[in-house]
Amino acid sequence: MIEQHLDIETDDAPMNTFVVCPEEGAPRPVVLFLMDAPGMREELRQMCRRLASAGYFVIAPNLYYRRVRQYNVFESQDREVMFEHMHSLTSEMVLNDAKSMLSWAKTQPQASATNVGTVGYCMSGPFAIMVASGLAESVRAAASIHGVRLAVDAPDSPHFHLESVKGEIYVACAETDSYAPPEMVNRFAEALKASPARGRVEWYPGTEHGFSFAERPQYDLASSERHWERLHDLFGRTLHECL
């Protein structure tokens, strides 16, 4: 595997980013891996490596780069600061970040930046879908894993932007999740069904918010492995067939 820690230039500041891809078989489809609220950390880099080993050029930015170069709430234990960082982000910011990532990826011989997938965890679940909407000509698939704010009364709520999505959407939801209660998920599912977008919403019985992360108390092995199976299937069908 090839790994890089580098800065990608954006309109706001250099965005420190982790990139990983296979050594052979270039070019590989690009997957934008969007972090959860606790921040970029080794656990997420391990997840990126697992995804890359299946044949992808994975780009994982520190989305808090406008405020801090490094942040990990599990080291600081300061959740108030975490929420300040999280609430500083907007869909427009992350969409602009995605544009910068793809502009950079187009200069990389190992990457195919016209066959793009996005996956967002927790706070970034809605961002993944908004990137699919804003970059519809490039993004073939978008996944939200126990994502929040999927259907809220705000102009940038993902459920208002499904009409412009051309790629396939997959949404994995925990059965017990105060950040994404059933009424919110069902509202998104209804909007998805009524839209021309392709995709599905899947409930994960017996799980709580954060079930996919091996280092969290909420980790559920069987459900986490199911989410990996779904990601590999989604990206395998939608990204590799475009090469």
Protein backbone atom coordinates (compact mmCIF):
# COMPACT_ATOMS: atom_id res chain seq x y z
CA MET A 1 0.00 0.00 0.00
CA ILE A 2 1.07 3.59 -0.67
CA GLU A 3 0.40 6.07 2.15
CA GLN A 4 0.84 9.82 2.21
CA HIS A 5 0.30 12.59 4.74
CA LEU A 6 0.07 15.84 2.80
CA ASP A 7 -1.58 19.23 2.52
CA ILE A 8 -4.16 19.86 -0.19
CA GLU A 9 -4.59 23.50 -1.10
CA THR A 10 -8.07 24.99 -0.61
CA ASP A 11 -9.50 28.50 -0.81
CA ASP A 12 -9.22 28.81 2.97
CA ALA A 13 -6.01 27.10 4.10
CA PRO A 14 -3.90 24.00 3.47
CA MET A 15 -6.02 20.95 4.36
CA ASN A 16 -3.95 18.24 6.05
CA THR A 17 -5.00 14.94 4.56
CA PHE A 18 -4.30 11.21 4.73
CA VAL A 19 -4.19 9.35 1.41
CA VAL A 20 -3.83 5.61 0.88
CA CYS A 21 -4.09 3.40 -2.21
CA PRO A 22 -2.85 0.08 -3.58
CA GLU A 23 0.63 -0.06 -5.08
CA GLU A 24 -0.57 -1.72 -8.29
CA GLY A 25 -3.53 -1.55 -10.65
CA ALA A 26 -3.72 2.21 -11.19
CA PRO A 27 -5.79 4.17 -11.80
CA ARG A 28 -8.10 3.43 -8.88
CA PRO A 29 -11.51 5.00 -8.21
CA VAL A 30 -11.39 7.81 -5.67
CA VAL A 31 -13.26 7.49 -2.37
CA LEU A 32 -13.62 10.55 -0.15
CA PHE A 33 -13.62 9.31 3.45
CA LEU A 34 -15.26 11.97 5.65
CA MET A 35 -14.51 11.78 9.35
CA ASP A 36 -16.84 11.74 12.33
CA ALA A 37 -16.95 14.52 14.94
CA PRO A 38 -14.22 13.17 17.28
CA GLY A 39 -11.61 14.01 14.64
CA MET A 40 -9.00 12.31 12.47
CA ARG A 41 -7.17 9.55 14.35
CA GLU A 42 -5.44 6.24 13.77
CA GLU A 43 -8.72 4.31 14.01
CA LEU A 44 -10.01 6.17 10.95
CA ARG A 45 -6.75 5.72 9.09
CA GLN A 46 -7.03 1.97 9.67
CA MET A 47 -10.53 2.06 8.18
CA CYS A 48 -9.15 3.95 5.18
CA ARG A 49 -6.50 1.27 4.71
CA ARG A 50 -9.14 -1.44 4.78
CA LEU A 51 -11.16 0.35 2.14
CA ALA A 52 -8.11 1.08 -0.01
CA SER A 53 -7.06 -2.57 0.08
CA ALA A 54 -10.24 -3.39 -1.85
CA GLY A 55 -8.98 -1.26 -4.74
CA TYR A 56 -9.60 2.42 -4.02
CA PHE A 57 -7.66 5.68 -3.85
CA VAL A 58 -8.88 6.88 -0.46
CA ILE A 59 -8.64 10.54 0.56
CA ALA A 60 -9.36 11.36 4.21
CA PRO A 61 -9.06 15.04 5.18
CA ASN A 62 -8.99 16.67 8.58
CA LEU A 63 -12.23 18.60 8.13
CA TYR A 64 -11.34 20.84 11.08
CA TYR A 65 -8.26 22.19 9.28
CA ARG A 66 -9.64 25.75 9.30
CA ARG A 67 -9.42 25.69 13.11
CA VAL A 68 -6.81 23.07 14.10
CA ARG A 69 -4.21 20.85 12.45
CA GLN A 70 -4.78 18.00 14.88
CA TYR A 71 -7.78 17.08 17.00
CA ASN A 72 -8.90 13.88 18.72
CA VAL A 73 -11.58 14.15 21.38
CA PHE A 74 -10.57 10.79 22.84
CA GLU A 75 -7.23 12.35 23.78
CA SER A 76 -8.53 15.71 24.99
CA GLN A 77 -11.81 14.46 26.53
CA ASP A 78 -13.22 17.93 25.84
CA ARG A 79 -16.57 17.37 24.18
CA GLU A 80 -17.48 21.08 24.26
CA VAL A 81 -14.56 21.83 21.96
CA MET A 82 -15.58 18.92 19.74
CA PHE A 83 -19.05 20.37 19.32
CA GLU A 84 -17.57 23.79 18.58
CA HIS A 85 -15.47 22.26 15.81
CA MET A 86 -18.40 20.23 14.50
CA HIS A 87 -20.81 23.18 14.41
CA SER A 88 -18.24 25.31 12.61
CA LEU A 89 -18.67 23.18 9.48
CA THR A 90 -21.28 23.69 6.77
CA SER A 91 -22.25 21.61 3.78
CA GLU A 92 -20.90 24.34 1.51
CA MET A 93 -17.50 24.18 3.23
CA VAL A 94 -17.26 20.42 2.84
CA LEU A 95 -18.43 20.60 -0.77
CA ASN A 96 -15.65 23.10 -1.48
CA ASP A 97 -13.21 20.79 0.29
CA ALA A 98 -14.38 17.92 -1.90
CA LYS A 99 -13.79 20.02 -5.01
CA SER A 100 -10.25 20.74 -3.82
CA MET A 101 -9.64 17.05 -3.14
CA LEU A 102 -10.81 16.04 -6.60
CA SER A 103 -8.81 18.79 -8.28
CA TRP A 104 -5.73 17.43 -6.56
CA ALA A 105 -6.66 13.81 -7.33
CA LYS A 106 -6.83 14.62 -11.04
CA THR A 107 -3.09 15.28 -10.92
CA GLN A 108 -2.36 11.85 -9.44
CA PRO A 109 -1.68 8.96 -11.85
CA GLN A 110 -2.93 6.40 -9.30
CA ALA A 111 -6.37 8.04 -9.12
CA SER A 112 -9.46 8.05 -11.31
CA ALA A 113 -11.17 11.26 -10.19
CA THR A 114 -14.15 10.81 -12.52
CA ASN A 115 -15.28 7.67 -10.67
CA VAL A 116 -15.87 8.94 -7.15
CA GLY A 117 -17.48 7.53 -4.04
CA THR A 118 -18.10 9.27 -0.74
CA VAL A 119 -18.65 7.83 2.71
CA GLY A 120 -19.39 9.87 5.80
CA TYR A 121 -19.68 8.75 9.41
CA CYS A 122 -21.89 10.41 12.01
CA MET A 123 -21.58 14.20 11.47
CA SER A 124 -20.34 13.59 7.91
CA GLY A 125 -23.18 11.31 6.83
CA PRO A 126 -25.16 14.27 5.46
CA PHE A 127 -21.99 15.78 3.98
CA ALA A 128 -21.41 12.64 1.89
CA ILE A 129 -24.86 12.99 0.36
CA MET A 130 -24.48 16.73 -0.20
CA VAL A 131 -21.19 16.11 -2.02
CA ALA A 132 -23.03 13.60 -4.20
CA SER A 133 -25.57 16.30 -4.98
CA GLY A 134 -23.05 19.10 -5.58
CA LEU A 135 -20.67 16.96 -7.66
CA ALA A 136 -23.28 14.83 -9.35
CA GLU A 137 -21.30 14.36 -12.57
CA SER A 138 -18.40 12.71 -10.71
CA VAL A 139 -19.89 11.01 -7.64
CA ARG A 140 -21.26 7.57 -8.51
CA ALA A 141 -22.08 6.50 -4.95
CA ALA A 142 -22.53 8.01 -1.49
CA ALA A 143 -22.86 6.27 1.86
CA SER A 144 -23.96 7.62 5.22
CA ILE A 145 -23.10 5.46 8.23
CA HIS A 146 -25.10 6.32 11.36
CA GLY A 147 -25.30 9.82 9.88
CA VAL A 148 -27.01 12.76 11.59
CA ARG A 149 -29.09 15.67 10.21
CA LEU A 150 -30.33 13.68 7.22
CA ALA A 151 -33.70 15.42 7.26
CA VAL A 152 -33.99 18.68 9.16
CA ASP A 153 -35.68 22.01 8.58
CA ALA A 154 -32.67 23.72 7.04
CA PRO A 155 -31.88 24.66 3.42
CA ASP A 156 -28.86 22.36 3.33
CA SER A 157 -30.69 19.31 4.66
CA PRO A 158 -29.80 16.36 2.38
CA HIS A 159 -33.39 15.31 1.88
CA PHE A 160 -34.02 18.58 0.02
CA HIS A 161 -31.20 17.87 -2.45
CA LEU A 162 -31.89 14.34 -3.63
CA GLU A 163 -33.29 15.50 -6.98
CA SER A 164 -29.81 16.37 -8.22
CA VAL A 165 -28.08 13.18 -7.07
CA LYS A 166 -27.13 10.92 -9.97
CA GLY A 167 -25.18 8.33 -8.01
CA GLU A 168 -26.51 5.58 -5.76
CA ILE A 169 -27.15 6.30 -2.07
CA TYR A 170 -26.82 3.94 0.87
CA VAL A 171 -27.81 4.96 4.41
CA ALA A 172 -27.04 2.74 7.41
CA CYS A 173 -28.93 3.60 10.59
CA ALA A 174 -28.57 2.46 14.18
CA GLU A 175 -31.73 1.22 15.86
CA THR A 176 -31.05 3.41 18.90
CA ASP A 177 -29.64 6.81 17.98
CA SER A 178 -30.57 10.06 19.68
CA TYR A 179 -28.68 11.96 16.98
CA ALA A 180 -30.74 10.32 14.21
CA PRO A 181 -34.11 9.29 15.67
CA PRO A 182 -36.56 7.16 13.68
CA GLU A 183 -38.75 10.10 12.65
CA MET A 184 -35.75 11.82 11.04
CA VAL A 185 -34.60 8.68 9.26
CA ASN A 186 -38.11 7.91 8.06
CA ARG A 187 -38.48 11.45 6.73
CA PHE A 188 -35.29 11.00 4.74
CA ALA A 189 -36.39 7.57 3.51
CA GLU A 190 -39.68 9.00 2.28
CA ALA A 191 -37.88 11.81 0.46
CA LEU A 192 -35.50 9.29 -1.13
CA LYS A 193 -38.39 7.13 -2.30
CA ALA A 194 -40.15 10.15 -3.80
CA SER A 195 -37.03 11.36 -5.61
CA PRO A 196 -35.42 10.07 -8.81
CA ALA A 197 -32.30 9.14 -6.83
CA ARG A 198 -31.41 5.46 -6.48
CA GLY A 199 -30.66 4.00 -3.08
CA ARG A 200 -31.92 2.61 0.17
CA VAL A 201 -32.05 3.11 3.90
CA GLU A 202 -31.19 0.13 6.09
CA TRP A 203 -31.78 -0.28 9.81
CA TYR A 204 -29.24 -2.16 11.92
CA PRO A 205 -31.19 -3.91 14.71
CA GLY A 206 -29.79 -3.88 18.22
CA THR A 207 -27.21 -1.19 17.50
CA GLU A 208 -26.43 2.25 18.88
CA HIS A 209 -24.86 5.34 17.33
CA GLY A 210 -21.23 4.59 16.50
CA PHE A 211 -21.62 0.83 16.07
CA SER A 212 -19.10 0.69 13.20
CA PHE A 213 -16.12 1.92 15.25
CA ALA A 214 -14.09 -0.87 16.84
CA GLU A 215 -12.68 1.39 19.57
CA ARG A 216 -16.03 2.62 20.87
CA PRO A 217 -18.18 1.02 23.57
CA GLN A 218 -21.06 0.92 21.07
CA TYR A 219 -19.10 -1.27 18.66
CA ASP A 220 -21.06 -4.20 17.27
CA LEU A 221 -18.87 -6.63 15.33
CA ALA A 222 -21.57 -8.23 13.21
CA SER A 223 -23.17 -4.91 12.28
CA SER A 224 -19.83 -3.26 11.59
CA GLU A 225 -18.89 -6.10 9.25
CA ARG A 226 -22.26 -5.73 7.55
CA HIS A 227 -21.54 -2.06 6.91
CA TRP A 228 -18.22 -3.05 5.32
CA GLU A 229 -19.99 -5.60 3.15
CA ARG A 230 -22.47 -2.94 2.02
CA LEU A 231 -19.69 -0.44 1.24
CA HIS A 232 -17.71 -2.94 -0.81
CA ASP A 233 -20.82 -3.94 -2.74
CA LEU A 234 -21.90 -0.34 -3.34
CA PHE A 235 -18.52 0.90 -4.52
CA GLY A 236 -17.76 -2.29 -6.41
CA ARG A 237 -20.92 -2.00 -8.49
CA THR A 238 -20.82 1.73 -9.09
CA LEU A 239 -17.15 2.71 -9.29
CA HIS A 240 -15.19 -0.15 -10.85
CA GLU A 241 -17.69 -0.66 -13.65
CA CYS A 242 -17.00 2.91 -14.79
CA LEU A 243 -13.27 2.37 -15.40
